[in-house]
Amino acid sequence: MNIEFSIAPSARQRIEFLVDELRGRISKSDVIPAVVWIDAKLNYAIKASGPAIAFYDNRDTIADGISVVDGFEFVLAVPSENETIFDGKVLHYINEAFVLK
């Protein structure tokens, strides 16, 4: 499926901050953010399903999955059954949470 998905400046700024923080903690220059979906049905510790950010630290293992939008690299790391959740959406960072609109 070809997904139309983008990242708003608010989310990009927050992700870049998190990438910089992680680089400082693990001493790796190769930190690639991944947009993931956390399903509340599978994780009882959260109340509502939603997007989250994870990270890869080895570009070689995900080279084919890296997207570049306006010079910003990320991976949309969701199974095919969740791709429709992201199609036509924009990832925002609002009130200290990532949200899709």
PDB file of N, CA and C in Angstrom:
ATOM      1  N   MET A   1       0.840  -1.180   0.000  1.00  0.00           N
ATOM      2  CA  MET A   1       0.000   0.000   0.000  1.00  0.00           C
ATOM      3  C   MET A   1       0.886   1.244   0.000  1.00  0.00           C
ATOM      4  N   ASN A   2       0.531   2.210  -0.814  1.00  0.00           N
ATOM      5  CA  ASN A   2       1.246   3.474  -0.848  1.00  0.00           C
ATOM      6  C   ASN A   2       0.561   4.429   0.124  1.00  0.00           C
ATOM      7  N   ILE A   3       1.244   4.793   1.186  1.00  0.00           N
ATOM      8  CA  ILE A   3       0.651   5.592   2.257  1.00  0.00           C
ATOM      9  C   ILE A   3       1.021   7.056   2.096  1.00  0.00           C
ATOM     10  N   GLU A   4       0.014   7.910   2.174  1.00  0.00           N
ATOM     11  CA  GLU A   4       0.234   9.356   2.210  1.00  0.00           C
ATOM     12  C   GLU A   4       0.263   9.749   3.684  1.00  0.00           C
ATOM     13  N   PHE A   5       1.457   9.995   4.181  1.00  0.00           N
ATOM     14  CA  PHE A   5       1.647  10.282   5.605  1.00  0.00           C
ATOM     15  C   PHE A   5       2.713  11.354   5.739  1.00  0.00           C
ATOM     16  N   SER A   6       2.489  12.294   6.649  1.00  0.00           N
ATOM     17  CA  SER A   6       3.498  13.332   6.868  1.00  0.00           C
ATOM     18  C   SER A   6       3.618  13.666   8.351  1.00  0.00           C
ATOM     19  N   ILE A   7       4.651  14.411   8.646  1.00  0.00           N
ATOM     20  CA  ILE A   7       4.955  14.777  10.026  1.00  0.00           C
ATOM     21  C   ILE A   7       4.927  16.301  10.140  1.00  0.00           C
ATOM     22  N   ALA A   8       4.077  16.803  11.030  1.00  0.00           N
ATOM     23  CA  ALA A   8       3.947  18.243  11.252  1.00  0.00           C
ATOM     24  C   ALA A   8       5.207  18.784  11.924  1.00  0.00           C
ATOM     25  N   PRO A   9       5.464  20.074  11.771  1.00  0.00           N
ATOM     26  CA  PRO A   9       6.638  20.672  12.422  1.00  0.00           C
ATOM     27  C   PRO A   9       6.694  20.418  13.932  1.00  0.00           C
ATOM     28  N   SER A  10       5.562  20.425  14.602  1.00  0.00           N
ATOM     29  CA  SER A  10       5.556  20.196  16.057  1.00  0.00           C
ATOM     30  C   SER A  10       6.082  18.800  16.395  1.00  0.00           C
ATOM     31  N   ALA A  11       5.666  17.807  15.630  1.00  0.00           N
ATOM     32  CA  ALA A  11       6.121  16.433  15.871  1.00  0.00           C
ATOM     33  C   ALA A  11       7.585  16.272  15.456  1.00  0.00           C
ATOM     34  N   ARG A  12       7.949  16.859  14.337  1.00  0.00           N
ATOM     35  CA  ARG A  12       9.335  16.765  13.882  1.00  0.00           C
ATOM     36  C   ARG A  12      10.282  17.360  14.916  1.00  0.00           C
ATOM     37  N   GLN A  13       9.917  18.514  15.446  1.00  0.00           N
ATOM     38  CA  GLN A  13      10.769  19.173  16.453  1.00  0.00           C
ATOM     39  C   GLN A  13      10.931  18.282  17.689  1.00  0.00           C
ATOM     40  N   ARG A  14       9.845  17.671  18.143  1.00  0.00           N
ATOM     41  CA  ARG A  14       9.918  16.797  19.321  1.00  0.00           C
ATOM     42  C   ARG A  14      10.742  15.546  19.029  1.00  0.00           C
ATOM     43  N   ILE A  15      10.556  14.961  17.858  1.00  0.00           N
ATOM     44  CA  ILE A  15      11.317  13.762  17.487  1.00  0.00           C
ATOM     45  C   ILE A  15      12.797  14.086  17.387  1.00  0.00           C
ATOM     46  N   GLU A  16      13.137  15.214  16.796  1.00  0.00           N
ATOM     47  CA  GLU A  16      14.547  15.615  16.702  1.00  0.00           C
ATOM     48  C   GLU A  16      15.159  15.801  18.088  1.00  0.00           C
ATOM     49  N   PHE A  17      14.389  16.359  19.016  1.00  0.00           N
ATOM     50  CA  PHE A  17      14.854  16.495  20.399  1.00  0.00           C
ATOM     51  C   PHE A  17      15.122  15.112  20.998  1.00  0.00           C
ATOM     52  N   LEU A  18      14.197  14.172  20.802  1.00  0.00           N
ATOM     53  CA  LEU A  18      14.362  12.815  21.346  1.00  0.00           C
ATOM     54  C   LEU A  18      15.555  12.097  20.724  1.00  0.00           C
ATOM     55  N   VAL A  19      15.752  12.293  19.433  1.00  0.00           N
ATOM     56  CA  VAL A  19      16.918  11.691  18.755  1.00  0.00           C
ATOM     57  C   VAL A  19      18.208  12.226  19.366  1.00  0.00           C
ATOM     58  N   ASP A  20      18.294  13.537  19.563  1.00  0.00           N
ATOM     59  CA  ASP A  20      19.495  14.132  20.156  1.00  0.00           C
ATOM     60  C   ASP A  20      19.735  13.606  21.571  1.00  0.00           C
ATOM     61  N   GLU A  21      18.663  13.487  22.359  1.00  0.00           N
ATOM     62  CA  GLU A  21      18.780  12.950  23.717  1.00  0.00           C
ATOM     63  C   GLU A  21      19.308  11.515  23.696  1.00  0.00           C
ATOM     64  N   LEU A  22      18.765  10.701  22.815  1.00  0.00           N
ATOM     65  CA  LEU A  22      19.180   9.298  22.741  1.00  0.00           C
ATOM     66  C   LEU A  22      20.621   9.170  22.265  1.00  0.00           C
ATOM     67  N   ARG A  23      20.996   9.967  21.282  1.00  0.00           N
ATOM     68  CA  ARG A  23      22.387   9.937  20.802  1.00  0.00           C
ATOM     69  C   ARG A  23      23.353  10.227  21.937  1.00  0.00           C
ATOM     70  N   GLY A  24      23.004  11.146  22.807  1.00  0.00           N
ATOM     71  CA  GLY A  24      23.859  11.491  23.937  1.00  0.00           C
ATOM     72  C   GLY A  24      23.950  10.380  24.970  1.00  0.00           C
ATOM     73  N   ARG A  25      22.892   9.605  25.099  1.00  0.00           N
ATOM     74  CA  ARG A  25      22.869   8.539  26.104  1.00  0.00           C
ATOM     75  C   ARG A  25      23.535   7.256  25.647  1.00  0.00           C
ATOM     76  N   ILE A  26      23.407   6.924  24.358  1.00  0.00           N
ATOM     77  CA  ILE A  26      23.931   5.625  23.909  1.00  0.00           C
ATOM     78  C   ILE A  26      25.194   5.760  23.074  1.00  0.00           C
ATOM     79  N   SER A  27      25.643   6.980  22.857  1.00  0.00           N
ATOM     80  CA  SER A  27      26.872   7.234  22.104  1.00  0.00           C
ATOM     81  C   SER A  27      26.853   6.575  20.728  1.00  0.00           C
ATOM     82  N   LYS A  28      25.732   6.693  20.034  1.00  0.00           N
ATOM     83  CA  LYS A  28      25.639   6.195  18.661  1.00  0.00           C
ATOM     84  C   LYS A  28      25.177   7.338  17.780  1.00  0.00           C
ATOM     85  N   SER A  29      25.788   7.443  16.633  1.00  0.00           N
ATOM     86  CA  SER A  29      25.378   8.508  15.718  1.00  0.00           C
ATOM     87  C   SER A  29      24.205   8.065  14.853  1.00  0.00           C
ATOM     88  N   ASP A  30      24.040   6.765  14.688  1.00  0.00           N
ATOM     89  CA  ASP A  30      22.990   6.228  13.831  1.00  0.00           C
ATOM     90  C   ASP A  30      21.727   5.963  14.644  1.00  0.00           C
ATOM     91  N   VAL A  31      20.906   6.987  14.803  1.00  0.00           N
ATOM     92  CA  VAL A  31      19.636   6.866  15.519  1.00  0.00           C
ATOM     93  C   VAL A  31      18.542   7.297  14.548  1.00  0.00           C
ATOM     94  N   ILE A  32      17.719   6.338  14.130  1.00  0.00           N
ATOM     95  CA  ILE A  32      16.663   6.614  13.172  1.00  0.00           C
ATOM     96  C   ILE A  32      15.315   6.471  13.864  1.00  0.00           C
ATOM     97  N   PRO A  33      14.509   7.544  13.891  1.00  0.00           N
ATOM     98  CA  PRO A  33      13.212   7.452  14.549  1.00  0.00           C
ATOM     99  C   PRO A  33      12.238   6.596  13.744  1.00  0.00           C
ATOM    100  N   ALA A  34      11.365   5.920  14.469  1.00  0.00           N
ATOM    101  CA  ALA A  34      10.327   5.096  13.855  1.00  0.00           C
ATOM    102  C   ALA A  34       8.983   5.487  14.450  1.00  0.00           C
ATOM    103  N   VAL A  35       8.021   5.725  13.586  1.00  0.00           N
ATOM    104  CA  VAL A  35       6.655   5.991  14.029  1.00  0.00           C
ATOM    105  C   VAL A  35       5.969   4.633  14.125  1.00  0.00           C
ATOM    106  N   VAL A  36       5.425   4.342  15.298  1.00  0.00           N
ATOM    107  CA  VAL A  36       4.773   3.057  15.548  1.00  0.00           C
ATOM    108  C   VAL A  36       3.357   3.292  16.066  1.00  0.00           C
ATOM    109  N   TRP A  37       2.566   2.236  16.102  1.00  0.00           N
ATOM    110  CA  TRP A  37       1.210   2.291  16.632  1.00  0.00           C
ATOM    111  C   TRP A  37       1.151   1.414  17.873  1.00  0.00           C
ATOM    112  N   ILE A  38       0.722   1.988  18.973  1.00  0.00           N
ATOM    113  CA  ILE A  38       0.552   1.238  20.214  1.00  0.00           C
ATOM    114  C   ILE A  38      -0.939   0.926  20.366  1.00  0.00           C
ATOM    115  N   ASP A  39      -1.261  -0.343  20.372  1.00  0.00           N
ATOM    116  CA  ASP A  39      -2.659  -0.790  20.447  1.00  0.00           C
ATOM    117  C   ASP A  39      -3.038  -1.060  21.902  1.00  0.00           C
ATOM    118  N   ALA A  40      -4.014  -0.319  22.399  1.00  0.00           N
ATOM    119  CA  ALA A  40      -4.436  -0.463  23.802  1.00  0.00           C
ATOM    120  C   ALA A  40      -4.975  -1.866  24.088  1.00  0.00           C
ATOM    121  N   LYS A  41      -5.498  -2.542  23.075  1.00  0.00           N
ATOM    122  CA  LYS A  41      -6.003  -3.900  23.282  1.00  0.00           C
ATOM    123  C   LYS A  41      -4.870  -4.886  23.579  1.00  0.00           C
ATOM    124  N   LEU A  42      -3.672  -4.538  23.146  1.00  0.00           N
ATOM    125  CA  LEU A  42      -2.519  -5.417  23.347  1.00  0.00           C
ATOM    126  C   LEU A  42      -1.622  -4.970  24.492  1.00  0.00           C
ATOM    127  N   ASN A  43      -1.870  -3.781  25.018  1.00  0.00           N
ATOM    128  CA  ASN A  43      -1.041  -3.233  26.077  1.00  0.00           C
ATOM    129  C   ASN A  43      -1.953  -2.623  27.140  1.00  0.00           C
ATOM    130  N   TYR A  44      -2.194  -3.349  28.190  1.00  0.00           N
ATOM    131  CA  TYR A  44      -3.137  -2.918  29.222  1.00  0.00           C
ATOM    132  C   TYR A  44      -2.641  -1.740  30.055  1.00  0.00           C
ATOM    133  N   ALA A  45      -1.380  -1.346  29.879  1.00  0.00           N
ATOM    134  CA  ALA A  45      -0.833  -0.227  30.646  1.00  0.00           C
ATOM    135  C   ALA A  45      -1.261   1.125  30.075  1.00  0.00           C
ATOM    136  N   ILE A  46      -1.834   1.127  28.881  1.00  0.00           N
ATOM    137  CA  ILE A  46      -2.288   2.386  28.300  1.00  0.00           C
ATOM    138  C   ILE A  46      -3.801   2.372  28.136  1.00  0.00           C
ATOM    139  N   LYS A  47      -4.384   3.567  28.152  1.00  0.00           N
ATOM    140  CA  LYS A  47      -5.842   3.683  28.087  1.00  0.00           C
ATOM    141  C   LYS A  47      -6.371   3.764  26.664  1.00  0.00           C
ATOM    142  N   ALA A  48      -5.599   4.392  25.774  1.00  0.00           N
ATOM    143  CA  ALA A  48      -6.071   4.581  24.403  1.00  0.00           C
ATOM    144  C   ALA A  48      -4.959   4.260  23.411  1.00  0.00           C
ATOM    145  N   SER A  49      -5.337   3.673  22.297  1.00  0.00           N
ATOM    146  CA  SER A  49      -4.378   3.395  21.231  1.00  0.00           C
ATOM    147  C   SER A  49      -3.888   4.707  20.634  1.00  0.00           C
ATOM    148  N   GLY A  50      -2.674   4.679  20.097  1.00  0.00           N
ATOM    149  CA  GLY A  50      -2.161   5.888  19.467  1.00  0.00           C
ATOM    150  C   GLY A  50      -0.757   5.722  18.940  1.00  0.00           C
ATOM    151  N   PRO A  51      -0.278   6.745  18.226  1.00  0.00           N
ATOM    152  CA  PRO A  51       1.079   6.706  17.690  1.00  0.00           C
ATOM    153  C   PRO A  51       2.112   6.938  18.785  1.00  0.00           C
ATOM    154  N   ALA A  52       3.284   6.412  18.555  1.00  0.00           N
ATOM    155  CA  ALA A  52       4.406   6.602  19.475  1.00  0.00           C
ATOM    156  C   ALA A  52       5.695   6.613  18.645  1.00  0.00           C
ATOM    157  N   ILE A  53       6.777   6.954  19.286  1.00  0.00           N
ATOM    158  CA  ILE A  53       8.072   6.998  18.611  1.00  0.00           C
ATOM    159  C   ILE A  53       8.997   5.957  19.231  1.00  0.00           C
ATOM    160  N   ALA A  54       9.617   5.191  18.363  1.00  0.00           N
ATOM    161  CA  ALA A  54      10.637   4.216  18.756  1.00  0.00           C
ATOM    162  C   ALA A  54      11.893   4.568  17.948  1.00  0.00           C
ATOM    163  N   PHE A  55      12.960   3.804  18.138  1.00  0.00           N
ATOM    164  CA  PHE A  55      14.200   4.142  17.448  1.00  0.00           C
ATOM    165  C   PHE A  55      14.931   2.893  16.981  1.00  0.00           C
ATOM    166  N   TYR A  56      15.587   3.023  15.846  1.00  0.00           N
ATOM    167  CA  TYR A  56      16.522   2.015  15.344  1.00  0.00           C
ATOM    168  C   TYR A  56      17.919   2.593  15.495  1.00  0.00           C
ATOM    169  N   ASP A  57      18.896   1.715  15.739  1.00  0.00           N
ATOM    170  CA  ASP A  57      20.271   2.204  15.851  1.00  0.00           C
ATOM    171  C   ASP A  57      21.201   1.562  14.828  1.00  0.00           C
ATOM    172  N   ASN A  58      20.613   0.922  13.810  1.00  0.00           N
ATOM    173  CA  ASN A  58      21.417   0.319  12.758  1.00  0.00           C
ATOM    174  C   ASN A  58      20.706   0.531  11.420  1.00  0.00           C
ATOM    175  N   ARG A  59      21.178   1.476  10.684  1.00  0.00           N
ATOM    176  CA  ARG A  59      20.579   1.836   9.399  1.00  0.00           C
ATOM    177  C   ARG A  59      20.519   0.658   8.427  1.00  0.00           C
ATOM    178  N   ASP A  60      21.509  -0.213   8.465  1.00  0.00           N
ATOM    179  CA  ASP A  60      21.564  -1.332   7.521  1.00  0.00           C
ATOM    180  C   ASP A  60      20.370  -2.278   7.667  1.00  0.00           C
ATOM    181  N   THR A  61      19.846  -2.423   8.870  1.00  0.00           N
ATOM    182  CA  THR A  61      18.752  -3.370   9.076  1.00  0.00           C
ATOM    183  C   THR A  61      17.408  -2.840   8.578  1.00  0.00           C
ATOM    184  N   ILE A  62      17.306  -1.528   8.334  1.00  0.00           N
ATOM    185  CA  ILE A  62      16.026  -0.943   7.934  1.00  0.00           C
ATOM    186  C   ILE A  62      16.154  -0.034   6.713  1.00  0.00           C
ATOM    187  N   ALA A  63      17.244  -0.138   5.989  1.00  0.00           N
ATOM    188  CA  ALA A  63      17.524   0.778   4.876  1.00  0.00           C
ATOM    189  C   ALA A  63      16.359   0.893   3.901  1.00  0.00           C
ATOM    190  N   ASP A  64      15.701  -0.206   3.598  1.00  0.00           N
ATOM    191  CA  ASP A  64      14.596  -0.177   2.633  1.00  0.00           C
ATOM    192  C   ASP A  64      13.347   0.485   3.202  1.00  0.00           C
ATOM    193  N   GLY A  65      13.253   0.616   4.509  1.00  0.00           N
ATOM    194  CA  GLY A  65      12.064   1.180   5.125  1.00  0.00           C
ATOM    195  C   GLY A  65      12.168   2.649   5.478  1.00  0.00           C
ATOM    196  N   ILE A  66      13.322   3.255   5.243  1.00  0.00           N
ATOM    197  CA  ILE A  66      13.515   4.653   5.614  1.00  0.00           C
ATOM    198  C   ILE A  66      12.833   5.575   4.608  1.00  0.00           C
ATOM    199  N   SER A  67      12.010   6.472   5.122  1.00  0.00           N
ATOM    200  CA  SER A  67      11.382   7.518   4.307  1.00  0.00           C
ATOM    201  C   SER A  67      12.101   8.829   4.586  1.00  0.00           C
ATOM    202  N   VAL A  68      12.167   9.683   3.592  1.00  0.00           N
ATOM    203  CA  VAL A  68      12.761  11.005   3.759  1.00  0.00           C
ATOM    204  C   VAL A  68      11.738  12.028   3.272  1.00  0.00           C
ATOM    205  N   VAL A  69      11.305  12.891   4.183  1.00  0.00           N
ATOM    206  CA  VAL A  69      10.353  13.944   3.857  1.00  0.00           C
ATOM    207  C   VAL A  69      10.963  15.269   4.300  1.00  0.00           C
ATOM    208  N   ASP A  70      11.179  16.144   3.343  1.00  0.00           N
ATOM    209  CA  ASP A  70      11.805  17.451   3.615  1.00  0.00           C
ATOM    210  C   ASP A  70      13.120  17.294   4.370  1.00  0.00           C
ATOM    211  N   GLY A  71      13.910  16.294   3.993  1.00  0.00           N
ATOM    212  CA  GLY A  71      15.206  16.067   4.614  1.00  0.00           C
ATOM    213  C   GLY A  71      15.165  15.362   5.957  1.00  0.00           C
ATOM    214  N   PHE A  72      13.989  14.998   6.407  1.00  0.00           N
ATOM    215  CA  PHE A  72      13.814  14.333   7.701  1.00  0.00           C
ATOM    216  C   PHE A  72      13.635  12.833   7.484  1.00  0.00           C
ATOM    217  N   GLU A  73      14.527  12.040   8.079  1.00  0.00           N
ATOM    218  CA  GLU A  73      14.472  10.582   7.941  1.00  0.00           C
ATOM    219  C   GLU A  73      13.678   9.947   9.071  1.00  0.00           C
ATOM    220  N   PHE A  74      12.833   8.979   8.701  1.00  0.00           N
ATOM    221  CA  PHE A  74      12.093   8.221   9.698  1.00  0.00           C
ATOM    222  C   PHE A  74      11.617   6.920   9.061  1.00  0.00           C
ATOM    223  N   VAL A  75      11.171   6.022   9.903  1.00  0.00           N
ATOM    224  CA  VAL A  75      10.583   4.768   9.445  1.00  0.00           C
ATOM    225  C   VAL A  75       9.146   4.717   9.940  1.00  0.00           C
ATOM    226  N   LEU A  76       8.233   4.382   9.059  1.00  0.00           N
ATOM    227  CA  LEU A  76       6.862   4.103   9.476  1.00  0.00           C
ATOM    228  C   LEU A  76       6.814   2.608   9.734  1.00  0.00           C
ATOM    229  N   ALA A  77       6.951   2.235  11.002  1.00  0.00           N
ATOM    230  CA  ALA A  77       7.122   0.831  11.398  1.00  0.00           C
ATOM    231  C   ALA A  77       5.801   0.262  11.919  1.00  0.00           C
ATOM    232  N   VAL A  78       4.897   0.016  10.991  1.00  0.00           N
ATOM    233  CA  VAL A  78       3.600  -0.545  11.368  1.00  0.00           C
ATOM    234  C   VAL A  78       3.306  -1.743  10.478  1.00  0.00           C
ATOM    235  N   PRO A  79       2.613  -2.739  11.026  1.00  0.00           N
ATOM    236  CA  PRO A  79       2.233  -3.878  10.188  1.00  0.00           C
ATOM    237  C   PRO A  79       1.209  -3.456   9.139  1.00  0.00           C
ATOM    238  N   SER A  80       1.115  -4.207   8.078  1.00  0.00           N
ATOM    239  CA  SER A  80       0.231  -3.837   6.969  1.00  0.00           C
ATOM    240  C   SER A  80      -1.213  -3.629   7.404  1.00  0.00           C
ATOM    241  N   GLU A  81      -1.672  -4.356   8.411  1.00  0.00           N
ATOM    242  CA  GLU A  81      -3.062  -4.190   8.856  1.00  0.00           C
ATOM    243  C   GLU A  81      -3.304  -2.848   9.548  1.00  0.00           C
ATOM    244  N   ASN A  82      -2.242  -2.145   9.934  1.00  0.00           N
ATOM    245  CA  ASN A  82      -2.390  -0.833  10.573  1.00  0.00           C
ATOM    246  C   ASN A  82      -2.056   0.334   9.650  1.00  0.00           C
ATOM    247  N   GLU A  83      -1.667   0.047   8.415  1.00  0.00           N
ATOM    248  CA  GLU A  83      -1.280   1.116   7.499  1.00  0.00           C
ATOM    249  C   GLU A  83      -2.417   2.094   7.245  1.00  0.00           C
ATOM    250  N   THR A  84      -3.646   1.627   7.201  1.00  0.00           N
ATOM    251  CA  THR A  84      -4.780   2.522   6.921  1.00  0.00           C
ATOM    252  C   THR A  84      -4.974   3.564   8.031  1.00  0.00           C
ATOM    253  N   ILE A  85      -4.519   3.248   9.240  1.00  0.00           N
ATOM    254  CA  ILE A  85      -4.611   4.208  10.349  1.00  0.00           C
ATOM    255  C   ILE A  85      -3.811   5.470  10.035  1.00  0.00           C
ATOM    256  N   PHE A  86      -2.711   5.316   9.304  1.00  0.00           N
ATOM    257  CA  PHE A  86      -1.802   6.426   9.011  1.00  0.00           C
ATOM    258  C   PHE A  86      -2.059   7.074   7.660  1.00  0.00           C
ATOM    259  N   ASP A  87      -2.769   6.386   6.773  1.00  0.00           N
ATOM    260  CA  ASP A  87      -2.965   6.894   5.412  1.00  0.00           C
ATOM    261  C   ASP A  87      -3.780   8.186   5.416  1.00  0.00           C
ATOM    262  N   GLY A  88      -3.230   9.214   4.786  1.00  0.00           N
ATOM    263  CA  GLY A  88      -3.895  10.505   4.700  1.00  0.00           C
ATOM    264  C   GLY A  88      -3.800  11.332   5.972  1.00  0.00           C
ATOM    265  N   LYS A  89      -2.954  10.926   6.897  1.00  0.00           N
ATOM    266  CA  LYS A  89      -2.857  11.601   8.201  1.00  0.00           C
ATOM    267  C   LYS A  89      -1.537  12.353   8.341  1.00  0.00           C
ATOM    268  N   VAL A  90      -1.553  13.245   9.327  1.00  0.00           N
ATOM    269  CA  VAL A  90      -0.364  14.015   9.694  1.00  0.00           C
ATOM    270  C   VAL A  90      -0.109  13.759  11.174  1.00  0.00           C
ATOM    271  N   LEU A  91       1.134  13.448  11.514  1.00  0.00           N
ATOM    272  CA  LEU A  91       1.522  13.255  12.911  1.00  0.00           C
ATOM    273  C   LEU A  91       1.828  14.617  13.527  1.00  0.00           C
ATOM    274  N   HIS A  92       1.169  14.913  14.642  1.00  0.00           N
ATOM    275  CA  HIS A  92       1.376  16.158  15.380  1.00  0.00           C
ATOM    276  C   HIS A  92       1.868  15.826  16.789  1.00  0.00           C
ATOM    277  N   TYR A  93       2.433  16.837  17.452  1.00  0.00           N
ATOM    278  CA  TYR A  93       2.789  16.729  18.863  1.00  0.00           C
ATOM    279  C   TYR A  93       2.031  17.833  19.578  1.00  0.00           C
ATOM    280  N   ILE A  94       1.002  17.430  20.338  1.00  0.00           N
ATOM    281  CA  ILE A  94       0.104  18.383  20.989  1.00  0.00           C
ATOM    282  C   ILE A  94      -0.068  17.975  22.447  1.00  0.00           C
ATOM    283  N   ASN A  95       0.070  18.936  23.352  1.00  0.00           N
ATOM    284  CA  ASN A  95      -0.103  18.678  24.787  1.00  0.00           C
ATOM    285  C   ASN A  95       0.707  17.465  25.265  1.00  0.00           C
ATOM    286  N   GLU A  96       1.969  17.438  24.847  1.00  0.00           N
ATOM    287  CA  GLU A  96       2.921  16.403  25.257  1.00  0.00           C
ATOM    288  C   GLU A  96       2.525  14.998  24.807  1.00  0.00           C
ATOM    289  N   ALA A  97       1.858  14.911  23.660  1.00  0.00           N
ATOM    290  CA  ALA A  97       1.479  13.607  23.106  1.00  0.00           C
ATOM    291  C   ALA A  97       1.511  13.667  21.580  1.00  0.00           C
ATOM    292  N   PHE A  98       1.869  12.546  20.967  1.00  0.00           N
ATOM    293  CA  PHE A  98       1.809  12.421  19.504  1.00  0.00           C
ATOM    294  C   PHE A  98       0.377  12.033  19.140  1.00  0.00           C
ATOM    295  N   VAL A  99      -0.173  12.720  18.143  1.00  0.00           N
ATOM    296  CA  VAL A  99      -1.541  12.456  17.698  1.00  0.00           C
ATOM    297  C   VAL A  99      -1.588  12.494  16.170  1.00  0.00           C
ATOM    298  N   LEU A 100      -2.521  11.744  15.614  1.00  0.00           N
ATOM    299  CA  LEU A 100      -2.759  11.754  14.168  1.00  0.00           C
ATOM    300  C   LEU A 100      -3.983  12.598  13.874  1.00  0.00           C
ATOM    301  N   LYS A 101      -3.870  13.426  12.860  1.00  0.00           N
ATOM    302  CA  LYS A 101      -5.027  14.247  12.418  1.00  0.00           C
ATOM    303  C   LYS A 101      -5.123  14.182  10.929  1.00  0.00           C
TER     304      LYS A 101
END
